[in-house]
Amino acid sequence: MEQLITNAADVVDEKERLRKFSEVFSFTERESEVFNCLVNTEDSIQMIAEKLYVSRRTLERHISAIYEKTGVKSRVGLLNLYNK
């Protein structure tokens, strides 16, 4: 039971952390969804596009906007920035 409570708190903290990060960089709602997939999964770009029901090209535009807003140039850069 204690493990469930700990996991629930972790989920809430992660959602709040993502919300604050998205707010700092002025992400749109969709960019926040894309960012969440990029930093919290190891899914390929194609898999993320399918999960979010967008074309690969549309997803790539969102990723480009995220890179521009954050000043990084790769998924690894996003992870490093997010995990500071």
PDB file of N, CA and C in Angstrom:
ATOM      1  N   MET A   1       0.823  -1.186   0.000  1.00  0.00           N
ATOM      2  CA  MET A   1       0.000   0.000   0.000  1.00  0.00           C
ATOM      3  C   MET A   1       0.872   1.255   0.000  1.00  0.00           C
ATOM      4  N   GLU A   2       1.902   1.259   0.813  1.00  0.00           N
ATOM      5  CA  GLU A   2       2.795   2.414   0.892  1.00  0.00           C
ATOM      6  C   GLU A   2       3.447   2.686  -0.468  1.00  0.00           C
ATOM      7  N   GLN A   3       3.789   1.625  -1.193  1.00  0.00           N
ATOM      8  CA  GLN A   3       4.390   1.775  -2.521  1.00  0.00           C
ATOM      9  C   GLN A   3       3.430   2.489  -3.472  1.00  0.00           C
ATOM     10  N   LEU A   4       2.148   2.189  -3.407  1.00  0.00           N
ATOM     11  CA  LEU A   4       1.151   2.853  -4.249  1.00  0.00           C
ATOM     12  C   LEU A   4       1.080   4.341  -3.942  1.00  0.00           C
ATOM     13  N   ILE A   5       1.116   4.695  -2.694  1.00  0.00           N
ATOM     14  CA  ILE A   5       1.081   6.099  -2.295  1.00  0.00           C
ATOM     15  C   ILE A   5       2.324   6.811  -2.799  1.00  0.00           C
ATOM     16  N   THR A   6       3.473   6.205  -2.670  1.00  0.00           N
ATOM     17  CA  THR A   6       4.716   6.792  -3.157  1.00  0.00           C
ATOM     18  C   THR A   6       4.656   6.991  -4.666  1.00  0.00           C
ATOM     19  N   ASN A   7       4.194   5.981  -5.392  1.00  0.00           N
ATOM     20  CA  ASN A   7       4.093   6.091  -6.846  1.00  0.00           C
ATOM     21  C   ASN A   7       3.109   7.170  -7.257  1.00  0.00           C
ATOM     22  N   ALA A   8       1.990   7.297  -6.567  1.00  0.00           N
ATOM     23  CA  ALA A   8       1.006   8.330  -6.881  1.00  0.00           C
ATOM     24  C   ALA A   8       1.618   9.715  -6.665  1.00  0.00           C
ATOM     25  N   ALA A   9       2.370   9.884  -5.594  1.00  0.00           N
ATOM     26  CA  ALA A   9       3.027  11.168  -5.329  1.00  0.00           C
ATOM     27  C   ALA A   9       4.053  11.476  -6.411  1.00  0.00           C
ATOM     28  N   ASP A  10       4.778  10.466  -6.863  1.00  0.00           N
ATOM     29  CA  ASP A  10       5.762  10.663  -7.926  1.00  0.00           C
ATOM     30  C   ASP A  10       5.090  11.122  -9.213  1.00  0.00           C
ATOM     31  N   VAL A  11       3.944  10.544  -9.532  1.00  0.00           N
ATOM     32  CA  VAL A  11       3.215  10.918 -10.745  1.00  0.00           C
ATOM     33  C   VAL A  11       2.756  12.364 -10.661  1.00  0.00           C
ATOM     34  N   VAL A  12       2.214  12.760  -9.529  1.00  0.00           N
ATOM     35  CA  VAL A  12       1.764  14.137  -9.344  1.00  0.00           C
ATOM     36  C   VAL A  12       2.950  15.086  -9.447  1.00  0.00           C
ATOM     37  N   ASP A  13       4.053  14.756  -8.802  1.00  0.00           N
ATOM     38  CA  ASP A  13       5.241  15.597  -8.868  1.00  0.00           C
ATOM     39  C   ASP A  13       5.751  15.713 -10.302  1.00  0.00           C
ATOM     40  N   GLU A  14       5.752  14.619 -11.047  1.00  0.00           N
ATOM     41  CA  GLU A  14       6.226  14.639 -12.429  1.00  0.00           C
ATOM     42  C   GLU A  14       5.310  15.496 -13.301  1.00  0.00           C
ATOM     43  N   LYS A  15       4.016  15.394 -13.100  1.00  0.00           N
ATOM     44  CA  LYS A  15       3.072  16.220 -13.869  1.00  0.00           C
ATOM     45  C   LYS A  15       3.275  17.698 -13.562  1.00  0.00           C
ATOM     46  N   GLU A  16       3.474  18.009 -12.301  1.00  0.00           N
ATOM     47  CA  GLU A  16       3.693  19.402 -11.906  1.00  0.00           C
ATOM     48  C   GLU A  16       5.022  19.914 -12.465  1.00  0.00           C
ATOM     49  N   ARG A  17       6.025  19.082 -12.410  1.00  0.00           N
ATOM     50  CA  ARG A  17       7.338  19.448 -12.958  1.00  0.00           C
ATOM     51  C   ARG A  17       7.240  19.715 -14.453  1.00  0.00           C
ATOM     52  N   LEU A  18       6.528  18.847 -15.169  1.00  0.00           N
ATOM     53  CA  LEU A  18       6.332  19.025 -16.610  1.00  0.00           C
ATOM     54  C   LEU A  18       5.543  20.301 -16.886  1.00  0.00           C
ATOM     55  N   ARG A  19       4.501  20.561 -16.096  1.00  0.00           N
ATOM     56  CA  ARG A  19       3.695  21.764 -16.283  1.00  0.00           C
ATOM     57  C   ARG A  19       4.539  23.032 -16.100  1.00  0.00           C
ATOM     58  N   LYS A  20       5.349  23.046 -15.052  1.00  0.00           N
ATOM     59  CA  LYS A  20       6.196  24.216 -14.802  1.00  0.00           C
ATOM     60  C   LYS A  20       7.237  24.400 -15.900  1.00  0.00           C
ATOM     61  N   PHE A  21       7.846  23.307 -16.329  1.00  0.00           N
ATOM     62  CA  PHE A  21       8.844  23.374 -17.388  1.00  0.00           C
ATOM     63  C   PHE A  21       8.207  23.911 -18.666  1.00  0.00           C
ATOM     64  N   SER A  22       7.025  23.395 -18.992  1.00  0.00           N
ATOM     65  CA  SER A  22       6.308  23.838 -20.196  1.00  0.00           C
ATOM     66  C   SER A  22       5.951  25.316 -20.107  1.00  0.00           C
ATOM     67  N   GLU A  23       5.596  25.748 -18.924  1.00  0.00           N
ATOM     68  CA  GLU A  23       5.247  27.151 -18.702  1.00  0.00           C
ATOM     69  C   GLU A  23       6.461  28.056 -18.896  1.00  0.00           C
ATOM     70  N   VAL A  24       7.593  27.646 -18.367  1.00  0.00           N
ATOM     71  CA  VAL A  24       8.823  28.443 -18.479  1.00  0.00           C
ATOM     72  C   VAL A  24       9.195  28.664 -19.945  1.00  0.00           C
ATOM     73  N   PHE A  25       9.037  27.623 -20.767  1.00  0.00           N
ATOM     74  CA  PHE A  25       9.434  27.722 -22.174  1.00  0.00           C
ATOM     75  C   PHE A  25       8.266  28.026 -23.106  1.00  0.00           C
ATOM     76  N   SER A  26       7.111  28.365 -22.546  1.00  0.00           N
ATOM     77  CA  SER A  26       5.925  28.745 -23.316  1.00  0.00           C
ATOM     78  C   SER A  26       5.530  27.695 -24.355  1.00  0.00           C
ATOM     79  N   PHE A  27       5.539  26.433 -23.951  1.00  0.00           N
ATOM     80  CA  PHE A  27       5.105  25.363 -24.847  1.00  0.00           C
ATOM     81  C   PHE A  27       3.592  25.431 -25.024  1.00  0.00           C
ATOM     82  N   THR A  28       3.149  25.115 -26.239  1.00  0.00           N
ATOM     83  CA  THR A  28       1.720  24.934 -26.456  1.00  0.00           C
ATOM     84  C   THR A  28       1.323  23.617 -25.792  1.00  0.00           C
ATOM     85  N   GLU A  29       0.024  23.358 -25.724  1.00  0.00           N
ATOM     86  CA  GLU A  29      -0.435  22.107 -25.116  1.00  0.00           C
ATOM     87  C   GLU A  29       0.127  20.904 -25.873  1.00  0.00           C
ATOM     88  N   ARG A  30       0.120  20.959 -27.194  1.00  0.00           N
ATOM     89  CA  ARG A  30       0.633  19.840 -27.995  1.00  0.00           C
ATOM     90  C   ARG A  30       2.138  19.702 -27.819  1.00  0.00           C
ATOM     91  N   GLU A  31       2.852  20.823 -27.764  1.00  0.00           N
ATOM     92  CA  GLU A  31       4.304  20.754 -27.545  1.00  0.00           C
ATOM     93  C   GLU A  31       4.615  20.122 -26.193  1.00  0.00           C
ATOM     94  N   SER A  32       3.786  20.396 -25.195  1.00  0.00           N
ATOM     95  CA  SER A  32       3.977  19.771 -23.884  1.00  0.00           C
ATOM     96  C   SER A  32       3.800  18.262 -23.969  1.00  0.00           C
ATOM     97  N   GLU A  33       2.808  17.820 -24.744  1.00  0.00           N
ATOM     98  CA  GLU A  33       2.589  16.385 -24.935  1.00  0.00           C
ATOM     99  C   GLU A  33       3.782  15.747 -25.637  1.00  0.00           C
ATOM    100  N   VAL A  34       4.262  16.413 -26.672  1.00  0.00           N
ATOM    101  CA  VAL A  34       5.413  15.909 -27.425  1.00  0.00           C
ATOM    102  C   VAL A  34       6.638  15.866 -26.520  1.00  0.00           C
ATOM    103  N   PHE A  35       6.877  16.943 -25.789  1.00  0.00           N
ATOM    104  CA  PHE A  35       8.023  17.008 -24.887  1.00  0.00           C
ATOM    105  C   PHE A  35       7.968  15.879 -23.870  1.00  0.00           C
ATOM    106  N   ASN A  36       6.795  15.642 -23.297  1.00  0.00           N
ATOM    107  CA  ASN A  36       6.627  14.570 -22.324  1.00  0.00           C
ATOM    108  C   ASN A  36       7.029  13.228 -22.932  1.00  0.00           C
ATOM    109  N   CYS A  37       6.597  12.960 -24.145  1.00  0.00           N
ATOM    110  CA  CYS A  37       6.961  11.702 -24.814  1.00  0.00           C
ATOM    111  C   CYS A  37       8.465  11.629 -25.077  1.00  0.00           C
ATOM    112  N   LEU A  38       9.052  12.752 -25.452  1.00  0.00           N
ATOM    113  CA  LEU A  38      10.487  12.761 -25.769  1.00  0.00           C
ATOM    114  C   LEU A  38      11.356  12.474 -24.549  1.00  0.00           C
ATOM    115  N   VAL A  39      10.978  13.023 -23.404  1.00  0.00           N
ATOM    116  CA  VAL A  39      11.837  12.877 -22.224  1.00  0.00           C
ATOM    117  C   VAL A  39      11.463  11.711 -21.316  1.00  0.00           C
ATOM    118  N   ASN A  40      10.266  11.173 -21.462  1.00  0.00           N
ATOM    119  CA  ASN A  40       9.835  10.112 -20.559  1.00  0.00           C
ATOM    120  C   ASN A  40       9.651   8.758 -21.219  1.00  0.00           C
ATOM    121  N   THR A  41       9.953   8.662 -22.501  1.00  0.00           N
ATOM    122  CA  THR A  41       9.893   7.371 -23.176  1.00  0.00           C
ATOM    123  C   THR A  41      11.118   7.227 -24.069  1.00  0.00           C
ATOM    124  N   GLU A  42      11.343   6.022 -24.498  1.00  0.00           N
ATOM    125  CA  GLU A  42      12.404   5.782 -25.476  1.00  0.00           C
ATOM    126  C   GLU A  42      11.807   5.490 -26.848  1.00  0.00           C
ATOM    127  N   ASP A  43      10.529   5.846 -27.017  1.00  0.00           N
ATOM    128  CA  ASP A  43       9.839   5.603 -28.282  1.00  0.00           C
ATOM    129  C   ASP A  43      10.507   6.365 -29.417  1.00  0.00           C
ATOM    130  N   SER A  44      10.455   5.770 -30.592  1.00  0.00           N
ATOM    131  CA  SER A  44      10.968   6.441 -31.787  1.00  0.00           C
ATOM    132  C   SER A  44      10.031   7.586 -32.170  1.00  0.00           C
ATOM    133  N   ILE A  45      10.497   8.441 -33.057  1.00  0.00           N
ATOM    134  CA  ILE A  45       9.685   9.552 -33.537  1.00  0.00           C
ATOM    135  C   ILE A  45       8.403   9.018 -34.179  1.00  0.00           C
ATOM    136  N   GLN A  46       8.527   7.970 -34.965  1.00  0.00           N
ATOM    137  CA  GLN A  46       7.353   7.389 -35.619  1.00  0.00           C
ATOM    138  C   GLN A  46       6.357   6.863 -34.583  1.00  0.00           C
ATOM    139  N   MET A  47       6.854   6.206 -33.562  1.00  0.00           N
ATOM    140  CA  MET A  47       5.966   5.672 -32.515  1.00  0.00           C
ATOM    141  C   MET A  47       5.255   6.799 -31.760  1.00  0.00           C
ATOM    142  N   ILE A  48       5.974   7.879 -31.492  1.00  0.00           N
ATOM    143  CA  ILE A  48       5.361   9.025 -30.811  1.00  0.00           C
ATOM    144  C   ILE A  48       4.287   9.643 -31.699  1.00  0.00           C
ATOM    145  N   ALA A  49       4.579   9.782 -32.982  1.00  0.00           N
ATOM    146  CA  ALA A  49       3.604  10.341 -33.919  1.00  0.00           C
ATOM    147  C   ALA A  49       2.329   9.500 -33.928  1.00  0.00           C
ATOM    148  N   GLU A  50       2.486   8.197 -33.964  1.00  0.00           N
ATOM    149  CA  GLU A  50       1.321   7.309 -33.963  1.00  0.00           C
ATOM    150  C   GLU A  50       0.553   7.413 -32.648  1.00  0.00           C
ATOM    151  N   LYS A  51       1.273   7.496 -31.540  1.00  0.00           N
ATOM    152  CA  LYS A  51       0.632   7.595 -30.224  1.00  0.00           C
ATOM    153  C   LYS A  51      -0.177   8.885 -30.102  1.00  0.00           C
ATOM    154  N   LEU A  52       0.340   9.973 -30.691  1.00  0.00           N
ATOM    155  CA  LEU A  52      -0.324  11.275 -30.600  1.00  0.00           C
ATOM    156  C   LEU A  52      -1.275  11.539 -31.768  1.00  0.00           C
ATOM    157  N   TYR A  53      -1.380  10.570 -32.679  1.00  0.00           N
ATOM    158  CA  TYR A  53      -2.278  10.679 -33.840  1.00  0.00           C
ATOM    159  C   TYR A  53      -1.965  11.888 -34.721  1.00  0.00           C
ATOM    160  N   VAL A  54      -0.682  12.084 -34.983  1.00  0.00           N
ATOM    161  CA  VAL A  54      -0.243  13.131 -35.915  1.00  0.00           C
ATOM    162  C   VAL A  54       0.709  12.503 -36.925  1.00  0.00           C
ATOM    163  N   SER A  55       0.918  13.211 -38.028  1.00  0.00           N
ATOM    164  CA  SER A  55       1.882  12.710 -39.006  1.00  0.00           C
ATOM    165  C   SER A  55       3.287  12.909 -38.469  1.00  0.00           C
ATOM    166  N   ARG A  56       4.200  12.166 -39.016  1.00  0.00           N
ATOM    167  CA  ARG A  56       5.602  12.299 -38.609  1.00  0.00           C
ATOM    168  C   ARG A  56       6.090  13.721 -38.873  1.00  0.00           C
ATOM    169  N   ARG A  57       5.694  14.286 -40.007  1.00  0.00           N
ATOM    170  CA  ARG A  57       6.128  15.649 -40.365  1.00  0.00           C
ATOM    171  C   ARG A  57       5.606  16.680 -39.367  1.00  0.00           C
ATOM    172  N   THR A  58       4.354  16.517 -38.962  1.00  0.00           N
ATOM    173  CA  THR A  58       3.781  17.428 -37.966  1.00  0.00           C
ATOM    174  C   THR A  58       4.527  17.307 -36.640  1.00  0.00           C
ATOM    175  N   LEU A  59       4.814  16.088 -36.253  1.00  0.00           N
ATOM    176  CA  LEU A  59       5.573  15.869 -35.023  1.00  0.00           C
ATOM    177  C   LEU A  59       6.949  16.521 -35.117  1.00  0.00           C
ATOM    178  N   GLU A  60       7.603  16.383 -36.260  1.00  0.00           N
ATOM    179  CA  GLU A  60       8.922  16.992 -36.439  1.00  0.00           C
ATOM    180  C   GLU A  60       8.855  18.513 -36.328  1.00  0.00           C
ATOM    181  N   ARG A  61       7.763  19.119 -36.771  1.00  0.00           N
ATOM    182  CA  ARG A  61       7.605  20.577 -36.619  1.00  0.00           C
ATOM    183  C   ARG A  61       7.476  20.950 -35.143  1.00  0.00           C
ATOM    184  N   HIS A  62       6.726  20.152 -34.392  1.00  0.00           N
ATOM    185  CA  HIS A  62       6.605  20.411 -32.946  1.00  0.00           C
ATOM    186  C   HIS A  62       7.965  20.254 -32.262  1.00  0.00           C
ATOM    187  N   ILE A  63       8.697  19.229 -32.631  1.00  0.00           N
ATOM    188  CA  ILE A  63      10.021  19.007 -32.044  1.00  0.00           C
ATOM    189  C   ILE A  63      10.952  20.171 -32.374  1.00  0.00           C
ATOM    190  N   SER A  64      10.906  20.651 -33.613  1.00  0.00           N
ATOM    191  CA  SER A  64      11.731  21.802 -34.001  1.00  0.00           C
ATOM    192  C   SER A  64      11.386  23.027 -33.161  1.00  0.00           C
ATOM    193  N   ALA A  65      10.092  23.246 -32.938  1.00  0.00           N
ATOM    194  CA  ALA A  65       9.670  24.388 -32.118  1.00  0.00           C
ATOM    195  C   ALA A  65      10.180  24.238 -30.690  1.00  0.00           C
ATOM    196  N   ILE A  66      10.126  23.019 -30.163  1.00  0.00           N
ATOM    197  CA  ILE A  66      10.628  22.761 -28.809  1.00  0.00           C
ATOM    198  C   ILE A  66      12.126  23.025 -28.741  1.00  0.00           C
ATOM    199  N   TYR A  67      12.861  22.537 -29.717  1.00  0.00           N
ATOM    200  CA  TYR A  67      14.308  22.772 -29.753  1.00  0.00           C
ATOM    201  C   TYR A  67      14.603  24.271 -29.812  1.00  0.00           C
ATOM    202  N   GLU A  68      13.846  24.993 -30.626  1.00  0.00           N
ATOM    203  CA  GLU A  68      14.075  26.434 -30.760  1.00  0.00           C
ATOM    204  C   GLU A  68      13.780  27.162 -29.447  1.00  0.00           C
ATOM    205  N   LYS A  69      12.680  26.806 -28.801  1.00  0.00           N
ATOM    206  CA  LYS A  69      12.299  27.475 -27.554  1.00  0.00           C
ATOM    207  C   LYS A  69      13.259  27.173 -26.412  1.00  0.00           C
ATOM    208  N   THR A  70      13.811  25.972 -26.403  1.00  0.00           N
ATOM    209  CA  THR A  70      14.703  25.586 -25.301  1.00  0.00           C
ATOM    210  C   THR A  70      16.169  25.862 -25.601  1.00  0.00           C
ATOM    211  N   GLY A  71      16.502  26.062 -26.874  1.00  0.00           N
ATOM    212  CA  GLY A  71      17.889  26.328 -27.245  1.00  0.00           C
ATOM    213  C   GLY A  71      18.754  25.085 -27.306  1.00  0.00           C
ATOM    214  N   VAL A  72      18.140  23.909 -27.397  1.00  0.00           N
ATOM    215  CA  VAL A  72      18.905  22.675 -27.526  1.00  0.00           C
ATOM    216  C   VAL A  72      18.729  22.120 -28.940  1.00  0.00           C
ATOM    217  N   LYS A  73      19.553  21.144 -29.278  1.00  0.00           N
ATOM    218  CA  LYS A  73      19.539  20.631 -30.647  1.00  0.00           C
ATOM    219  C   LYS A  73      19.307  19.133 -30.752  1.00  0.00           C
ATOM    220  N   SER A  74      18.997  18.482 -29.610  1.00  0.00           N
ATOM    221  CA  SER A  74      18.802  17.036 -29.660  1.00  0.00           C
ATOM    222  C   SER A  74      17.930  16.577 -28.500  1.00  0.00           C
ATOM    223  N   ARG A  75      17.477  15.350 -28.618  1.00  0.00           N
ATOM    224  CA  ARG A  75      16.681  14.748 -27.554  1.00  0.00           C
ATOM    225  C   ARG A  75      17.504  14.607 -26.277  1.00  0.00           C
ATOM    226  N   VAL A  76      18.765  14.280 -26.427  1.00  0.00           N
ATOM    227  CA  VAL A  76      19.661  14.179 -25.276  1.00  0.00           C
ATOM    228  C   VAL A  76      19.793  15.549 -24.598  1.00  0.00           C
ATOM    229  N   GLY A  77      19.887  16.593 -25.402  1.00  0.00           N
ATOM    230  CA  GLY A  77      19.950  17.943 -24.851  1.00  0.00           C
ATOM    231  C   GLY A  77      18.708  18.283 -24.049  1.00  0.00           C
ATOM    232  N   LEU A  78      17.536  17.859 -24.553  1.00  0.00           N
ATOM    233  CA  LEU A  78      16.296  18.079 -23.808  1.00  0.00           C
ATOM    234  C   LEU A  78      16.315  17.351 -22.479  1.00  0.00           C
ATOM    235  N   LEU A  79      16.770  16.102 -22.508  1.00  0.00           N
ATOM    236  CA  LEU A  79      16.858  15.313 -21.271  1.00  0.00           C
ATOM    237  C   LEU A  79      17.769  15.986 -20.258  1.00  0.00           C
ATOM    238  N   ASN A  80      18.914  16.449 -20.726  1.00  0.00           N
ATOM    239  CA  ASN A  80      19.858  17.125 -19.824  1.00  0.00           C
ATOM    240  C   ASN A  80      19.264  18.387 -19.231  1.00  0.00           C
ATOM    241  N   LEU A  81      18.581  19.162 -20.058  1.00  0.00           N
ATOM    242  CA  LEU A  81      17.956  20.399 -19.594  1.00  0.00           C
ATOM    243  C   LEU A  81      16.844  20.105 -18.593  1.00  0.00           C
ATOM    244  N   TYR A  82      16.025  19.123 -18.888  1.00  0.00           N
ATOM    245  CA  TYR A  82      14.894  18.761 -18.041  1.00  0.00           C
ATOM    246  C   TYR A  82      15.343  18.172 -16.705  1.00  0.00           C
ATOM    247  N   ASN A  83      16.424  17.459 -16.710  1.00  0.00           N
ATOM    248  CA  ASN A  83      16.891  16.780 -15.491  1.00  0.00           C
ATOM    249  C   ASN A  83      17.884  17.588 -14.669  1.00  0.00           C
ATOM    250  N   LYS A  84      18.067  18.840 -14.992  1.00  0.00           N
ATOM    251  CA  LYS A  84      18.977  19.704 -14.209  1.00  0.00           C
ATOM    252  C   LYS A  84      18.480  19.854 -12.806  1.00  0.00           C
TER     253      LYS A  84
END
